[in-house]
Amino acid sequence: MQARPLDLADAFEIIPDQHRDERGVFLEWFRCDRLRDVIGHTTHVAQANLSISARGAIRGLHLTRTPPGQSKYITCVRGAILDVLVDLRIGSPTFRQHETVPLDDSGRHMVYVPAGFGHGFCALTDDATVTYLCSSLYDRDRECVINPLDPELGIEWPIPDRIPSSSAVSGPGLLDCIANGLLPTYDDCRRLAAE
């Protein structure tokens, strides 16, 4: 397994070793010890999610407010997606910046999304199947769905006839989140990770 730091502070792309033979492919898609070595702390896995999306579907941008915050470990097991991370930690050296990572069922890369980041993706194929591990349980009262089409974010979604959820499009934009105190601080997120 190799890790490539993303341009956003504390986020990583994980490249697995794939073992192929006449039977197919085998890989370790998650190892807590190796992820700990990459990110510098242990991540608790509290919940595992799976989504199946039509081409053009946008899921996100989701943020779990801190505390407890929520880190995620994502991979695409069928089809292809464009994964999107946005650093929403006030005071972070990469605050307000976003990065996109293509994930698909041939490269089988993973992305580690730290707590305090907005996360979403766009399905590039029909039946794009994404699975992700979450460090905390879903809590409707702590979740914030940020409008993924907000021009302040500057995300260029790859599908012109995209399908965002109505709750996401009606969600607050970045400036609303800042004004209403919905975003965590960089220091708080780093402190929680260290604990």
Protein backbone atom coordinates (compact mmCIF):
# COMPACT_ATOMS: atom_id res chain seq x y z
CA MET A 1 0.00 0.00 0.00
CA GLN A 2 1.24 3.47 -0.87
CA ALA A 3 -0.09 6.82 0.27
CA ARG A 4 -0.06 10.06 -1.67
CA PRO A 5 -0.71 13.25 0.31
CA LEU A 6 -3.31 15.41 -1.39
CA ASP A 7 -2.82 19.16 -1.74
CA LEU A 8 -5.29 19.64 1.13
CA ALA A 9 -3.77 19.43 4.61
CA ASP A 10 -4.22 15.99 6.28
CA ALA A 11 -6.01 14.30 3.32
CA PHE A 12 -4.56 11.31 1.44
CA GLU A 13 -5.08 9.09 -1.56
CA ILE A 14 -4.28 5.44 -0.78
CA ILE A 15 -3.02 3.17 -3.57
CA PRO A 16 -3.41 -0.52 -2.76
CA ASP A 17 -1.23 -3.41 -3.83
CA GLN A 18 -3.39 -5.55 -6.13
CA HIS A 19 -2.54 -9.22 -6.41
CA ARG A 20 -3.75 -10.77 -9.68
CA ASP A 21 -3.84 -14.36 -10.84
CA GLU A 22 -6.10 -16.58 -12.92
CA ARG A 23 -8.79 -16.37 -10.21
CA GLY A 24 -9.02 -12.59 -10.27
CA VAL A 25 -7.78 -9.85 -7.95
CA PHE A 26 -7.15 -9.62 -4.21
CA LEU A 27 -6.30 -6.49 -2.22
CA GLU A 28 -6.46 -5.15 1.31
CA TRP A 29 -8.66 -2.09 0.97
CA PHE A 30 -8.43 -1.11 4.65
CA ARG A 31 -5.77 -1.76 7.29
CA CYS A 32 -6.06 0.26 10.50
CA ASP A 33 -2.33 -0.07 11.25
CA ARG A 34 -1.23 1.17 7.83
CA LEU A 35 -3.76 4.00 7.80
CA ARG A 36 -2.54 5.04 11.26
CA ASP A 37 1.03 5.14 9.95
CA VAL A 38 -0.08 7.40 7.08
CA ILE A 39 -2.33 9.85 8.93
CA GLY A 40 -0.47 9.86 12.25
CA HIS A 41 -3.31 8.73 14.51
CA THR A 42 -5.75 5.88 14.93
CA THR A 43 -9.15 6.22 13.30
CA HIS A 44 -12.16 4.63 14.94
CA VAL A 45 -14.60 2.92 12.56
CA ALA A 46 -18.17 3.40 13.81
CA GLN A 47 -20.23 2.94 10.65
CA ALA A 48 -19.89 1.59 7.11
CA ASN A 49 -22.00 2.98 4.26
CA LEU A 50 -22.64 1.91 0.68
CA SER A 51 -24.30 3.95 -2.05
CA ILE A 52 -25.29 3.07 -5.60
CA SER A 53 -25.73 6.06 -7.89
CA ALA A 54 -26.93 6.84 -11.39
CA ARG A 55 -24.56 8.59 -13.78
CA GLY A 56 -24.52 12.31 -12.99
CA ALA A 57 -25.75 11.91 -9.40
CA ILE A 58 -24.03 14.23 -6.94
CA ARG A 59 -23.91 13.07 -3.33
CA GLY A 60 -22.88 15.69 -0.81
CA LEU A 61 -21.33 17.95 0.21
CA HIS A 62 -21.66 16.51 3.70
CA LEU A 63 -19.97 17.76 6.85
CA THR A 64 -20.42 16.43 10.38
CA ARG A 65 -19.99 19.30 12.80
CA THR A 66 -17.27 19.08 15.45
CA PRO A 67 -17.54 17.55 17.93
CA PRO A 68 -17.66 14.72 17.13
CA GLY A 69 -16.67 15.39 13.52
CA GLN A 70 -16.39 12.51 11.11
CA SER A 71 -13.48 11.24 9.05
CA LYS A 72 -14.18 8.96 6.09
CA TYR A 73 -12.29 6.32 4.14
CA ILE A 74 -13.81 5.93 0.67
CA THR A 75 -13.46 3.62 -2.32
CA CYS A 76 -15.45 2.94 -5.49
CA VAL A 77 -16.05 -0.81 -5.92
CA ARG A 78 -18.07 -0.60 -9.15
CA GLY A 79 -17.99 1.97 -11.94
CA ALA A 80 -16.34 5.36 -11.49
CA ILE A 81 -16.79 8.57 -9.51
CA LEU A 82 -15.12 11.92 -9.12
CA ASP A 83 -14.56 12.28 -5.37
CA VAL A 84 -14.54 15.84 -3.99
CA LEU A 85 -12.99 17.04 -0.73
CA VAL A 86 -13.31 20.60 0.60
CA ASP A 87 -11.27 21.79 3.58
CA LEU A 88 -13.82 23.57 5.79
CA ARG A 89 -11.62 23.88 8.90
CA ILE A 90 -11.32 27.56 9.79
CA GLY A 91 -7.64 28.35 10.28
CA SER A 92 -6.37 25.46 8.14
CA PRO A 93 -3.62 26.36 5.67
CA THR A 94 -5.89 24.98 2.93
CA PHE A 95 -9.21 26.39 4.22
CA ARG A 96 -11.82 26.86 1.42
CA GLN A 97 -9.76 24.85 -1.07
CA HIS A 98 -11.05 21.72 -2.75
CA GLU A 99 -9.52 18.79 -4.52
CA THR A 100 -10.96 16.12 -6.78
CA VAL A 101 -9.77 12.51 -6.99
CA PRO A 102 -11.05 10.05 -9.61
CA LEU A 103 -11.92 6.67 -8.05
CA ASP A 104 -12.90 3.59 -10.03
CA ASP A 105 -13.13 -0.18 -9.98
CA SER A 106 -9.87 -0.78 -11.83
CA GLY A 107 -7.36 1.41 -9.95
CA ARG A 108 -9.25 0.69 -6.71
CA HIS A 109 -7.69 3.67 -4.92
CA MET A 110 -9.08 4.97 -1.66
CA VAL A 111 -9.33 8.47 -0.18
CA TYR A 112 -8.94 9.44 3.46
CA VAL A 113 -11.10 12.47 4.29
CA PRO A 114 -10.29 14.05 7.69
CA ALA A 115 -12.90 15.39 10.08
CA GLY A 116 -13.79 18.98 9.27
CA PHE A 117 -13.88 18.43 5.52
CA GLY A 118 -16.90 18.64 3.26
CA HIS A 119 -17.17 15.51 1.17
CA GLY A 120 -19.15 14.53 -1.90
CA PHE A 121 -18.84 12.87 -5.26
CA CYS A 122 -20.31 12.72 -8.73
CA ALA A 123 -21.08 9.35 -10.33
CA LEU A 124 -19.39 9.08 -13.72
CA THR A 125 -21.09 5.78 -14.60
CA ASP A 126 -24.46 4.18 -13.95
CA ASP A 127 -24.56 1.98 -10.86
CA ALA A 128 -21.43 3.62 -9.44
CA THR A 129 -21.05 1.82 -6.12
CA VAL A 130 -19.17 3.54 -3.33
CA THR A 131 -18.40 2.18 0.09
CA TYR A 132 -17.00 4.21 2.94
CA LEU A 133 -16.02 3.78 6.55
CA CYS A 134 -16.97 6.54 8.97
CA SER A 135 -15.34 7.41 12.30
CA SER A 136 -18.62 8.40 13.97
CA LEU A 137 -22.26 7.43 13.69
CA TYR A 138 -24.62 9.44 11.51
CA ASP A 139 -26.35 12.13 13.57
CA ARG A 140 -28.94 14.21 11.73
CA ASP A 141 -28.58 17.02 14.28
CA ARG A 142 -24.82 17.31 13.70
CA GLU A 143 -24.84 16.99 9.90
CA CYS A 144 -24.63 19.96 7.58
CA VAL A 145 -25.35 19.53 3.87
CA ILE A 146 -23.65 22.31 1.94
CA ASN A 147 -24.84 23.28 -1.53
CA PRO A 148 -22.40 21.51 -3.89
CA LEU A 149 -23.19 23.99 -6.67
CA ASP A 150 -22.27 27.06 -4.57
CA PRO A 151 -20.06 29.24 -6.81
CA GLU A 152 -17.99 30.22 -3.74
CA LEU A 153 -16.67 26.64 -3.69
CA GLY A 154 -15.65 26.73 -7.36
CA ILE A 155 -16.16 23.01 -7.93
CA GLU A 156 -16.33 22.04 -11.59
CA TRP A 157 -18.59 19.00 -11.66
CA PRO A 158 -17.75 16.81 -14.68
CA ILE A 159 -21.27 15.94 -15.87
CA PRO A 160 -23.32 18.78 -17.40
CA ASP A 161 -26.68 17.10 -16.69
CA ARG A 162 -25.85 16.38 -13.06
CA ILE A 163 -28.41 15.27 -10.49
CA PRO A 164 -27.86 16.83 -7.05
CA SER A 165 -30.29 16.10 -4.23
CA SER A 166 -32.89 18.76 -3.53
CA SER A 167 -31.72 18.99 0.11
CA ALA A 168 -28.15 19.68 -1.03
CA VAL A 169 -29.13 22.42 -3.50
CA SER A 170 -31.32 24.08 -0.87
CA GLY A 171 -28.53 23.74 1.72
CA PRO A 172 -26.45 26.68 2.86
CA GLY A 173 -23.56 27.99 0.83
CA LEU A 174 -20.03 28.40 2.15
CA LEU A 175 -20.48 32.03 3.24
CA ASP A 176 -23.72 31.13 5.09
CA CYS A 177 -21.89 28.33 6.91
CA ILE A 178 -19.15 30.74 7.97
CA ALA A 179 -21.63 33.44 9.06
CA ASN A 180 -23.72 30.96 11.08
CA GLY A 181 -20.77 29.35 12.86
CA LEU A 182 -21.36 25.91 11.33
CA LEU A 183 -17.72 25.22 10.43
CA PRO A 184 -15.15 23.68 12.77
CA THR A 185 -11.75 25.12 13.49
CA TYR A 186 -8.54 23.54 12.31
CA ASP A 187 -7.23 23.35 15.89
CA ASP A 188 -10.38 21.64 17.20
CA CYS A 189 -10.23 18.99 14.43
CA ARG A 190 -6.53 18.30 15.02
CA ARG A 191 -7.10 18.06 18.78
CA LEU A 192 -9.94 15.56 18.31
CA ALA A 193 -7.79 13.47 15.95
CA ALA A 194 -4.98 13.39 18.51
CA GLU A 195 -7.36 12.21 21.25
